[in-house]
Amino acid sequence: MLHPASGYGVRHAPAPAPVVVYGTRWCAASQMVRRHLDRLGVPHRWVDLELEPGAARDVAWLTGGYVSHPTVSVGGQLLVEPSLAELDSALARSGWIDTGWW
């Protein structure tokens, strides 16, 4: 018999990789992605390409030279200007959401 307080025999899923959204305050698509993540309860880090030094350079490096927004990093996957369906798919693959049909 397992002792409930011991933790032995209890398996925990690994924590999902962080979600990072690169965008601008004035970009409607960037704000749509942020609101969608908020509604889903997915914690994320917001990086404003206009306010954070070096952020645009980092995005250009990640995307092969383009600074597109929003650019979203989800568990090692890089999404450039994703649709909400593409974002949901990446979130499901990374363990952030359960689509119920995977």
PDB file of N, CA and C in Angstrom:
ATOM      1  N   MET A   1       0.827  -1.169   0.000  1.00  0.00           N
ATOM      2  CA  MET A   1       0.000   0.000   0.000  1.00  0.00           C
ATOM      3  C   MET A   1       0.881   1.246   0.000  1.00  0.00           C
ATOM      4  N   LEU A   2       0.487   2.257  -0.787  1.00  0.00           N
ATOM      5  CA  LEU A   2       1.252   3.491  -0.862  1.00  0.00           C
ATOM      6  C   LEU A   2       0.798   4.457   0.207  1.00  0.00           C
ATOM      7  N   HIS A   3       1.741   5.082   0.821  1.00  0.00           N
ATOM      8  CA  HIS A   3       1.408   6.110   1.793  1.00  0.00           C
ATOM      9  C   HIS A   3       1.169   7.418   1.038  1.00  0.00           C
ATOM     10  N   PRO A   4       0.001   8.042   1.171  1.00  0.00           N
ATOM     11  CA  PRO A   4      -0.331   9.216   0.361  1.00  0.00           C
ATOM     12  C   PRO A   4       0.609  10.397   0.559  1.00  0.00           C
ATOM     13  N   ALA A   5       1.203  10.537   1.712  1.00  0.00           N
ATOM     14  CA  ALA A   5       2.062  11.691   1.958  1.00  0.00           C
ATOM     15  C   ALA A   5       3.490  11.465   1.491  1.00  0.00           C
ATOM     16  N   SER A   6       3.842  10.220   1.178  1.00  0.00           N
ATOM     17  CA  SER A   6       5.234   9.939   0.846  1.00  0.00           C
ATOM     18  C   SER A   6       5.604  10.349  -0.563  1.00  0.00           C
ATOM     19  N   GLY A   7       4.656  10.337  -1.487  1.00  0.00           N
ATOM     20  CA  GLY A   7       4.979  10.684  -2.859  1.00  0.00           C
ATOM     21  C   GLY A   7       5.480   9.504  -3.666  1.00  0.00           C
ATOM     22  N   TYR A   8       5.767   8.384  -2.998  1.00  0.00           N
ATOM     23  CA  TYR A   8       6.239   7.214  -3.732  1.00  0.00           C
ATOM     24  C   TYR A   8       5.095   6.645  -4.553  1.00  0.00           C
ATOM     25  N   GLY A   9       5.380   6.293  -5.775  1.00  0.00           N
ATOM     26  CA  GLY A   9       4.371   5.725  -6.644  1.00  0.00           C
ATOM     27  C   GLY A   9       3.505   6.775  -7.324  1.00  0.00           C
ATOM     28  N   VAL A  10       3.754   8.034  -7.016  1.00  0.00           N
ATOM     29  CA  VAL A  10       2.995   9.116  -7.637  1.00  0.00           C
ATOM     30  C   VAL A  10       3.784   9.626  -8.825  1.00  0.00           C
ATOM     31  N   ARG A  11       3.135   9.702  -9.961  1.00  0.00           N
ATOM     32  CA  ARG A  11       3.809  10.193 -11.159  1.00  0.00           C
ATOM     33  C   ARG A  11       3.266  11.569 -11.501  1.00  0.00           C
ATOM     34  N   HIS A  12       4.159  12.476 -11.752  1.00  0.00           N
ATOM     35  CA  HIS A  12       3.783  13.834 -12.110  1.00  0.00           C
ATOM     36  C   HIS A  12       4.184  14.086 -13.557  1.00  0.00           C
ATOM     37  N   ALA A  13       3.308  14.723 -14.293  1.00  0.00           N
ATOM     38  CA  ALA A  13       3.637  15.104 -15.662  1.00  0.00           C
ATOM     39  C   ALA A  13       4.657  16.227 -15.617  1.00  0.00           C
ATOM     40  N   PRO A  14       5.580  16.242 -16.574  1.00  0.00           N
ATOM     41  CA  PRO A  14       6.542  17.343 -16.608  1.00  0.00           C
ATOM     42  C   PRO A  14       5.830  18.660 -16.897  1.00  0.00           C
ATOM     43  N   ALA A  15       6.375  19.718 -16.376  1.00  0.00           N
ATOM     44  CA  ALA A  15       5.784  21.040 -16.614  1.00  0.00           C
ATOM     45  C   ALA A  15       5.950  21.406 -18.077  1.00  0.00           C
ATOM     46  N   PRO A  16       4.925  21.983 -18.681  1.00  0.00           N
ATOM     47  CA  PRO A  16       5.046  22.405 -20.070  1.00  0.00           C
ATOM     48  C   PRO A  16       6.114  23.484 -20.216  1.00  0.00           C
ATOM     49  N   ALA A  17       6.729  23.529 -21.394  1.00  0.00           N
ATOM     50  CA  ALA A  17       7.736  24.546 -21.669  1.00  0.00           C
ATOM     51  C   ALA A  17       7.068  25.920 -21.703  1.00  0.00           C
ATOM     52  N   PRO A  18       7.808  26.952 -21.415  1.00  0.00           N
ATOM     53  CA  PRO A  18       7.203  28.280 -21.362  1.00  0.00           C
ATOM     54  C   PRO A  18       6.691  28.761 -22.724  1.00  0.00           C
ATOM     55  N   VAL A  19       5.733  29.667 -22.661  1.00  0.00           N
ATOM     56  CA  VAL A  19       5.177  30.293 -23.853  1.00  0.00           C
ATOM     57  C   VAL A  19       5.633  31.751 -23.851  1.00  0.00           C
ATOM     58  N   VAL A  20       6.195  32.188 -24.973  1.00  0.00           N
ATOM     59  CA  VAL A  20       6.669  33.565 -25.098  1.00  0.00           C
ATOM     60  C   VAL A  20       6.014  34.171 -26.332  1.00  0.00           C
ATOM     61  N   VAL A  21       5.441  35.356 -26.162  1.00  0.00           N
ATOM     62  CA  VAL A  21       4.801  36.071 -27.263  1.00  0.00           C
ATOM     63  C   VAL A  21       5.614  37.329 -27.543  1.00  0.00           C
ATOM     64  N   TYR A  22       6.092  37.446 -28.778  1.00  0.00           N
ATOM     65  CA  TYR A  22       6.806  38.634 -29.228  1.00  0.00           C
ATOM     66  C   TYR A  22       5.859  39.439 -30.106  1.00  0.00           C
ATOM     67  N   GLY A  23       5.679  40.717 -29.807  1.00  0.00           N
ATOM     68  CA  GLY A  23       4.773  41.529 -30.610  1.00  0.00           C
ATOM     69  C   GLY A  23       4.876  42.990 -30.245  1.00  0.00           C
ATOM     70  N   THR A  24       3.877  43.736 -30.685  1.00  0.00           N
ATOM     71  CA  THR A  24       3.812  45.161 -30.375  1.00  0.00           C
ATOM     72  C   THR A  24       2.440  45.479 -29.797  1.00  0.00           C
ATOM     73  N   ARG A  25       2.379  46.584 -29.057  1.00  0.00           N
ATOM     74  CA  ARG A  25       1.124  46.983 -28.424  1.00  0.00           C
ATOM     75  C   ARG A  25       0.072  47.382 -29.447  1.00  0.00           C
ATOM     76  N   TRP A  26       0.498  47.899 -30.589  1.00  0.00           N
ATOM     77  CA  TRP A  26      -0.447  48.389 -31.585  1.00  0.00           C
ATOM     78  C   TRP A  26      -0.880  47.318 -32.587  1.00  0.00           C
ATOM     79  N   CYS A  27      -0.295  46.140 -32.543  1.00  0.00           N
ATOM     80  CA  CYS A  27      -0.614  45.068 -33.501  1.00  0.00           C
ATOM     81  C   CYS A  27      -1.840  44.289 -33.008  1.00  0.00           C
ATOM     82  N   ALA A  28      -2.911  44.340 -33.788  1.00  0.00           N
ATOM     83  CA  ALA A  28      -4.155  43.655 -33.399  1.00  0.00           C
ATOM     84  C   ALA A  28      -3.947  42.158 -33.258  1.00  0.00           C
ATOM     85  N   ALA A  29      -3.165  41.551 -34.140  1.00  0.00           N
ATOM     86  CA  ALA A  29      -2.933  40.100 -34.067  1.00  0.00           C
ATOM     87  C   ALA A  29      -2.155  39.736 -32.806  1.00  0.00           C
ATOM     88  N   SER A  30      -1.188  40.569 -32.427  1.00  0.00           N
ATOM     89  CA  SER A  30      -0.433  40.309 -31.191  1.00  0.00           C
ATOM     90  C   SER A  30      -1.356  40.352 -29.989  1.00  0.00           C
ATOM     91  N   GLN A  31      -2.235  41.334 -29.945  1.00  0.00           N
ATOM     92  CA  GLN A  31      -3.156  41.458 -28.826  1.00  0.00           C
ATOM     93  C   GLN A  31      -4.188  40.337 -28.820  1.00  0.00           C
ATOM     94  N   MET A  32      -4.598  39.868 -30.006  1.00  0.00           N
ATOM     95  CA  MET A  32      -5.541  38.751 -30.099  1.00  0.00           C
ATOM     96  C   MET A  32      -4.913  37.482 -29.509  1.00  0.00           C
ATOM     97  N   VAL A  33      -3.636  37.242 -29.817  1.00  0.00           N
ATOM     98  CA  VAL A  33      -2.941  36.068 -29.279  1.00  0.00           C
ATOM     99  C   VAL A  33      -2.843  36.180 -27.761  1.00  0.00           C
ATOM    100  N   ARG A  34      -2.511  37.341 -27.246  1.00  0.00           N
ATOM    101  CA  ARG A  34      -2.411  37.528 -25.791  1.00  0.00           C
ATOM    102  C   ARG A  34      -3.749  37.282 -25.108  1.00  0.00           C
ATOM    103  N   ARG A  35      -4.813  37.842 -25.655  1.00  0.00           N
ATOM    104  CA  ARG A  35      -6.147  37.643 -25.070  1.00  0.00           C
ATOM    105  C   ARG A  35      -6.555  36.173 -25.122  1.00  0.00           C
ATOM    106  N   HIS A  36      -6.225  35.491 -26.220  1.00  0.00           N
ATOM    107  CA  HIS A  36      -6.562  34.068 -26.356  1.00  0.00           C
ATOM    108  C   HIS A  36      -5.849  33.244 -25.282  1.00  0.00           C
ATOM    109  N   LEU A  37      -4.564  33.507 -25.080  1.00  0.00           N
ATOM    110  CA  LEU A  37      -3.806  32.800 -24.047  1.00  0.00           C
ATOM    111  C   LEU A  37      -4.376  33.095 -22.659  1.00  0.00           C
ATOM    112  N   ASP A  38      -4.763  34.342 -22.421  1.00  0.00           N
ATOM    113  CA  ASP A  38      -5.372  34.700 -21.140  1.00  0.00           C
ATOM    114  C   ASP A  38      -6.673  33.932 -20.922  1.00  0.00           C
ATOM    115  N   ARG A  39      -7.521  33.866 -21.952  1.00  0.00           N
ATOM    116  CA  ARG A  39      -8.799  33.146 -21.834  1.00  0.00           C
ATOM    117  C   ARG A  39      -8.583  31.667 -21.553  1.00  0.00           C
ATOM    118  N   LEU A  40      -7.517  31.094 -22.154  1.00  0.00           N
ATOM    119  CA  LEU A  40      -7.219  29.680 -21.936  1.00  0.00           C
ATOM    120  C   LEU A  40      -6.535  29.435 -20.596  1.00  0.00           C
ATOM    121  N   GLY A  41      -6.074  30.493 -19.947  1.00  0.00           N
ATOM    122  CA  GLY A  41      -5.360  30.338 -18.684  1.00  0.00           C
ATOM    123  C   GLY A  41      -3.923  29.877 -18.865  1.00  0.00           C
ATOM    124  N   VAL A  42      -3.353  30.150 -20.023  1.00  0.00           N
ATOM    125  CA  VAL A  42      -1.973  29.746 -20.312  1.00  0.00           C
ATOM    126  C   VAL A  42      -1.041  30.893 -19.931  1.00  0.00           C
ATOM    127  N   PRO A  43      -0.186  30.688 -18.935  1.00  0.00           N
ATOM    128  CA  PRO A  43       0.758  31.746 -18.574  1.00  0.00           C
ATOM    129  C   PRO A  43       1.758  31.960 -19.702  1.00  0.00           C
ATOM    130  N   HIS A  44       2.095  33.194 -19.940  1.00  0.00           N
ATOM    131  CA  HIS A  44       3.027  33.500 -21.017  1.00  0.00           C
ATOM    132  C   HIS A  44       3.821  34.752 -20.676  1.00  0.00           C
ATOM    133  N   ARG A  45       4.938  34.869 -21.353  1.00  0.00           N
ATOM    134  CA  ARG A  45       5.771  36.061 -21.188  1.00  0.00           C
ATOM    135  C   ARG A  45       5.564  36.932 -22.412  1.00  0.00           C
ATOM    136  N   TRP A  46       5.295  38.189 -22.214  1.00  0.00           N
ATOM    137  CA  TRP A  46       5.086  39.154 -23.286  1.00  0.00           C
ATOM    138  C   TRP A  46       6.386  39.911 -23.505  1.00  0.00           C
ATOM    139  N   VAL A  47       6.834  39.964 -24.763  1.00  0.00           N
ATOM    140  CA  VAL A  47       8.029  40.724 -25.121  1.00  0.00           C
ATOM    141  C   VAL A  47       7.614  41.755 -26.162  1.00  0.00           C
ATOM    142  N   ASP A  48       7.657  43.033 -25.765  1.00  0.00           N
ATOM    143  CA  ASP A  48       7.300  44.113 -26.678  1.00  0.00           C
ATOM    144  C   ASP A  48       8.510  44.421 -27.553  1.00  0.00           C
ATOM    145  N   LEU A  49       8.360  44.215 -28.850  1.00  0.00           N
ATOM    146  CA  LEU A  49       9.470  44.393 -29.784  1.00  0.00           C
ATOM    147  C   LEU A  49       9.956  45.834 -29.867  1.00  0.00           C
ATOM    148  N   GLU A  50       9.103  46.770 -29.497  1.00  0.00           N
ATOM    149  CA  GLU A  50       9.500  48.179 -29.569  1.00  0.00           C
ATOM    150  C   GLU A  50      10.127  48.691 -28.279  1.00  0.00           C
ATOM    151  N   LEU A  51       9.845  48.025 -27.178  1.00  0.00           N
ATOM    152  CA  LEU A  51      10.322  48.530 -25.893  1.00  0.00           C
ATOM    153  C   LEU A  51      11.516  47.774 -25.321  1.00  0.00           C
ATOM    154  N   GLU A  52      11.681  46.521 -25.700  1.00  0.00           N
ATOM    155  CA  GLU A  52      12.762  45.726 -25.120  1.00  0.00           C
ATOM    156  C   GLU A  52      13.981  45.722 -26.036  1.00  0.00           C
ATOM    157  N   PRO A  53      15.095  46.235 -25.525  1.00  0.00           N
ATOM    158  CA  PRO A  53      16.304  46.280 -26.343  1.00  0.00           C
ATOM    159  C   PRO A  53      16.721  44.883 -26.804  1.00  0.00           C
ATOM    160  N   GLY A  54      16.988  44.751 -28.070  1.00  0.00           N
ATOM    161  CA  GLY A  54      17.467  43.479 -28.607  1.00  0.00           C
ATOM    162  C   GLY A  54      16.383  42.487 -28.962  1.00  0.00           C
ATOM    163  N   ALA A  55      15.140  42.755 -28.597  1.00  0.00           N
ATOM    164  CA  ALA A  55      14.068  41.792 -28.845  1.00  0.00           C
ATOM    165  C   ALA A  55      13.843  41.588 -30.336  1.00  0.00           C
ATOM    166  N   ALA A  56      13.830  42.666 -31.113  1.00  0.00           N
ATOM    167  CA  ALA A  56      13.626  42.537 -32.563  1.00  0.00           C
ATOM    168  C   ALA A  56      14.772  41.754 -33.190  1.00  0.00           C
ATOM    169  N   ARG A  57      15.989  41.998 -32.733  1.00  0.00           N
ATOM    170  CA  ARG A  57      17.149  41.252 -33.234  1.00  0.00           C
ATOM    171  C   ARG A  57      17.008  39.767 -32.907  1.00  0.00           C
ATOM    172  N   ASP A  58      16.536  39.450 -31.699  1.00  0.00           N
ATOM    173  CA  ASP A  58      16.341  38.054 -31.302  1.00  0.00           C
ATOM    174  C   ASP A  58      15.298  37.369 -32.179  1.00  0.00           C
ATOM    175  N   VAL A  59      14.180  38.059 -32.451  1.00  0.00           N
ATOM    176  CA  VAL A  59      13.135  37.476 -33.305  1.00  0.00           C
ATOM    177  C   VAL A  59      13.666  37.272 -34.715  1.00  0.00           C
ATOM    178  N   ALA A  60      14.408  38.239 -35.233  1.00  0.00           N
ATOM    179  CA  ALA A  60      14.988  38.090 -36.573  1.00  0.00           C
ATOM    180  C   ALA A  60      15.912  36.872 -36.615  1.00  0.00           C
ATOM    181  N   TRP A  61      16.679  36.659 -35.567  1.00  0.00           N
ATOM    182  CA  TRP A  61      17.564  35.494 -35.526  1.00  0.00           C
ATOM    183  C   TRP A  61      16.752  34.201 -35.493  1.00  0.00           C
ATOM    184  N   LEU A  62      15.691  34.172 -34.693  1.00  0.00           N
ATOM    185  CA  LEU A  62      14.869  32.972 -34.572  1.00  0.00           C
ATOM    186  C   LEU A  62      14.131  32.634 -35.864  1.00  0.00           C
ATOM    187  N   THR A  63      13.715  33.651 -36.611  1.00  0.00           N
ATOM    188  CA  THR A  63      12.888  33.426 -37.792  1.00  0.00           C
ATOM    189  C   THR A  63      13.664  33.421 -39.096  1.00  0.00           C
ATOM    190  N   GLY A  64      14.959  33.548 -39.027  1.00  0.00           N
ATOM    191  CA  GLY A  64      15.749  33.541 -40.259  1.00  0.00           C
ATOM    192  C   GLY A  64      15.818  34.901 -40.932  1.00  0.00           C
ATOM    193  N   GLY A  65      15.665  35.963 -40.159  1.00  0.00           N
ATOM    194  CA  GLY A  65      15.857  37.298 -40.688  1.00  0.00           C
ATOM    195  C   GLY A  65      14.630  38.180 -40.722  1.00  0.00           C
ATOM    196  N   TYR A  66      13.483  37.661 -40.355  1.00  0.00           N
ATOM    197  CA  TYR A  66      12.252  38.441 -40.409  1.00  0.00           C
ATOM    198  C   TYR A  66      11.805  38.838 -39.004  1.00  0.00           C
ATOM    199  N   VAL A  67      11.305  40.060 -38.885  1.00  0.00           N
ATOM    200  CA  VAL A  67      10.711  40.495 -37.625  1.00  0.00           C
ATOM    201  C   VAL A  67       9.213  40.597 -37.876  1.00  0.00           C
ATOM    202  N   SER A  68       8.527  39.507 -37.623  1.00  0.00           N
ATOM    203  CA  SER A  68       7.082  39.446 -37.810  1.00  0.00           C
ATOM    204  C   SER A  68       6.424  39.364 -36.447  1.00  0.00           C
ATOM    205  N   HIS A  69       5.255  39.966 -36.355  1.00  0.00           N
ATOM    206  CA  HIS A  69       4.541  39.876 -35.093  1.00  0.00           C
ATOM    207  C   HIS A  69       3.079  39.602 -35.357  1.00  0.00           C
ATOM    208  N   PRO A  70       2.527  38.739 -34.517  1.00  0.00           N
ATOM    209  CA  PRO A  70       3.189  38.095 -33.379  1.00  0.00           C
ATOM    210  C   PRO A  70       4.045  36.906 -33.816  1.00  0.00           C
ATOM    211  N   THR A  71       5.093  36.701 -33.086  1.00  0.00           N
ATOM    212  CA  THR A  71       5.882  35.480 -33.167  1.00  0.00           C
ATOM    213  C   THR A  71       5.746  34.834 -31.794  1.00  0.00           C
ATOM    214  N   VAL A  72       5.399  33.554 -31.774  1.00  0.00           N
ATOM    215  CA  VAL A  72       5.111  32.873 -30.513  1.00  0.00           C
ATOM    216  C   VAL A  72       5.987  31.641 -30.393  1.00  0.00           C
ATOM    217  N   SER A  73       6.648  31.504 -29.268  1.00  0.00           N
ATOM    218  CA  SER A  73       7.441  30.317 -28.957  1.00  0.00           C
ATOM    219  C   SER A  73       6.639  29.466 -27.979  1.00  0.00           C
ATOM    220  N   VAL A  74       6.372  28.227 -28.399  1.00  0.00           N
ATOM    221  CA  VAL A  74       5.597  27.301 -27.564  1.00  0.00           C
ATOM    222  C   VAL A  74       6.351  25.976 -27.510  1.00  0.00           C
ATOM    223  N   GLY A  75       6.970  25.706 -26.392  1.00  0.00           N
ATOM    224  CA  GLY A  75       7.633  24.420 -26.212  1.00  0.00           C
ATOM    225  C   GLY A  75       8.642  24.072 -27.294  1.00  0.00           C
ATOM    226  N   GLY A  76       9.429  25.044 -27.729  1.00  0.00           N
ATOM    227  CA  GLY A  76      10.425  24.789 -28.756  1.00  0.00           C
ATOM    228  C   GLY A  76       9.901  24.960 -30.174  1.00  0.00           C
ATOM    229  N   GLN A  77       8.608  25.142 -30.310  1.00  0.00           N
ATOM    230  CA  GLN A  77       8.020  25.406 -31.622  1.00  0.00           C
ATOM    231  C   GLN A  77       7.932  26.914 -31.811  1.00  0.00           C
ATOM    232  N   LEU A  78       8.298  27.379 -32.990  1.00  0.00           N
ATOM    233  CA  LEU A  78       8.225  28.801 -33.272  1.00  0.00           C
ATOM    234  C   LEU A  78       7.109  29.039 -34.282  1.00  0.00           C
ATOM    235  N   LEU A  79       6.147  29.853 -33.901  1.00  0.00           N
ATOM    236  CA  LEU A  79       5.001  30.156 -34.754  1.00  0.00           C
ATOM    237  C   LEU A  79       5.075  31.620 -35.169  1.00  0.00           C
ATOM    238  N   VAL A  80       5.084  31.862 -36.467  1.00  0.00           N
ATOM    239  CA  VAL A  80       5.153  33.217 -36.987  1.00  0.00           C
ATOM    240  C   VAL A  80       3.773  33.595 -37.519  1.00  0.00           C
ATOM    241  N   GLU A  81       3.190  34.634 -36.924  1.00  0.00           N
ATOM    242  CA  GLU A  81       1.851  35.101 -37.263  1.00  0.00           C
ATOM    243  C   GLU A  81       0.851  33.941 -37.302  1.00  0.00           C
ATOM    244  N   PRO A  82       0.747  33.177 -36.196  1.00  0.00           N
ATOM    245  CA  PRO A  82      -0.131  31.999 -36.197  1.00  0.00           C
ATOM    246  C   PRO A  82      -1.608  32.359 -36.132  1.00  0.00           C
ATOM    247  N   SER A  83      -2.425  31.488 -36.723  1.00  0.00           N
ATOM    248  CA  SER A  83      -3.862  31.581 -36.494  1.00  0.00           C
ATOM    249  C   SER A  83      -4.124  31.024 -35.095  1.00  0.00           C
ATOM    250  N   LEU A  84      -5.306  31.268 -34.565  1.00  0.00           N
ATOM    251  CA  LEU A  84      -5.621  30.722 -33.243  1.00  0.00           C
ATOM    252  C   LEU A  84      -5.664  29.201 -33.284  1.00  0.00           C
ATOM    253  N   ALA A  85      -6.089  28.614 -34.399  1.00  0.00           N
ATOM    254  CA  ALA A  85      -6.099  27.155 -34.530  1.00  0.00           C
ATOM    255  C   ALA A  85      -4.671  26.600 -34.508  1.00  0.00           C
ATOM    256  N   GLU A  86      -3.758  27.272 -35.184  1.00  0.00           N
ATOM    257  CA  GLU A  86      -2.353  26.837 -35.167  1.00  0.00           C
ATOM    258  C   GLU A  86      -1.767  26.967 -33.764  1.00  0.00           C
ATOM    259  N   LEU A  87      -2.108  28.048 -33.088  1.00  0.00           N
ATOM    260  CA  LEU A  87      -1.641  28.249 -31.719  1.00  0.00           C
ATOM    261  C   LEU A  87      -2.189  27.159 -30.802  1.00  0.00           C
ATOM    262  N   ASP A  88      -3.481  26.871 -30.905  1.00  0.00           N
ATOM    263  CA  ASP A  88      -4.087  25.818 -30.084  1.00  0.00           C
ATOM    264  C   ASP A  88      -3.428  24.471 -30.333  1.00  0.00           C
ATOM    265  N   SER A  89      -3.125  24.174 -31.577  1.00  0.00           N
ATOM    266  CA  SER A  89      -2.472  22.905 -31.910  1.00  0.00           C
ATOM    267  C   SER A  89      -1.097  22.812 -31.246  1.00  0.00           C
ATOM    268  N   ALA A  90      -0.329  23.888 -31.310  1.00  0.00           N
ATOM    269  CA  ALA A  90       0.991  23.902 -30.668  1.00  0.00           C
ATOM    270  C   ALA A  90       0.861  23.799 -29.152  1.00  0.00           C
ATOM    271  N   LEU A  91      -0.130  24.482 -28.584  1.00  0.00           N
ATOM    272  CA  LEU A  91      -0.346  24.405 -27.140  1.00  0.00           C
ATOM    273  C   LEU A  91      -0.724  22.989 -26.719  1.00  0.00           C
ATOM    274  N   ALA A  92      -1.533  22.315 -27.514  1.00  0.00           N
ATOM    275  CA  ALA A  92      -1.933  20.942 -27.204  1.00  0.00           C
ATOM    276  C   ALA A  92      -0.730  20.002 -27.290  1.00  0.00           C
ATOM    277  N   ARG A  93       0.087  20.160 -28.325  1.00  0.00           N
ATOM    278  CA  ARG A  93       1.271  19.300 -28.468  1.00  0.00           C
ATOM    279  C   ARG A  93       2.249  19.495 -27.314  1.00  0.00           C
ATOM    280  N   SER A  94       2.264  20.700 -26.744  1.00  0.00           N
ATOM    281  CA  SER A  94       3.192  21.005 -25.646  1.00  0.00           C
ATOM    282  C   SER A  94       2.607  20.727 -24.275  1.00  0.00           C
ATOM    283  N   GLY A  95       1.351  20.289 -24.219  1.00  0.00           N
ATOM    284  CA  GLY A  95       0.755  19.937 -22.939  1.00  0.00           C
ATOM    285  C   GLY A  95       0.069  21.071 -22.209  1.00  0.00           C
ATOM    286  N   TRP A  96      -0.104  22.225 -22.849  1.00  0.00           N
ATOM    287  CA  TRP A  96      -0.744  23.346 -22.177  1.00  0.00           C
ATOM    288  C   TRP A  96      -2.248  23.229 -22.151  1.00  0.00           C
ATOM    289  N   ILE A  97      -2.822  22.690 -23.204  1.00  0.00           N
ATOM    290  CA  ILE A  97      -4.284  22.542 -23.248  1.00  0.00           C
ATOM    291  C   ILE A  97      -4.623  21.129 -23.703  1.00  0.00           C
ATOM    292  N   ASP A  98      -5.817  20.710 -23.382  1.00  0.00           N
ATOM    293  CA  ASP A  98      -6.327  19.409 -23.819  1.00  0.00           C
ATOM    294  C   ASP A  98      -7.462  19.672 -24.779  1.00  0.00           C
ATOM    295  N   THR A  99      -7.281  19.265 -26.013  1.00  0.00           N
ATOM    296  CA  THR A  99      -8.318  19.510 -27.007  1.00  0.00           C
ATOM    297  C   THR A  99      -9.420  18.471 -26.917  1.00  0.00           C
ATOM    298  N   GLY A 100      -9.191  17.385 -26.183  1.00  0.00           N
ATOM    299  CA  GLY A 100     -10.207  16.369 -26.025  1.00  0.00           C
ATOM    300  C   GLY A 100     -10.259  15.345 -27.137  1.00  0.00           C
ATOM    301  N   TRP A 101      -9.540  15.592 -28.195  1.00  0.00           N
ATOM    302  CA  TRP A 101      -9.570  14.638 -29.305  1.00  0.00           C
ATOM    303  C   TRP A 101      -8.202  14.191 -29.768  1.00  0.00           C
ATOM    304  N   TRP A 102      -7.145  14.642 -29.153  1.00  0.00           N
ATOM    305  CA  TRP A 102      -5.785  14.188 -29.538  1.00  0.00           C
ATOM    306  C   TRP A 102      -5.648  12.756 -29.195  1.00  0.00           C
TER     307      TRP A 102
END
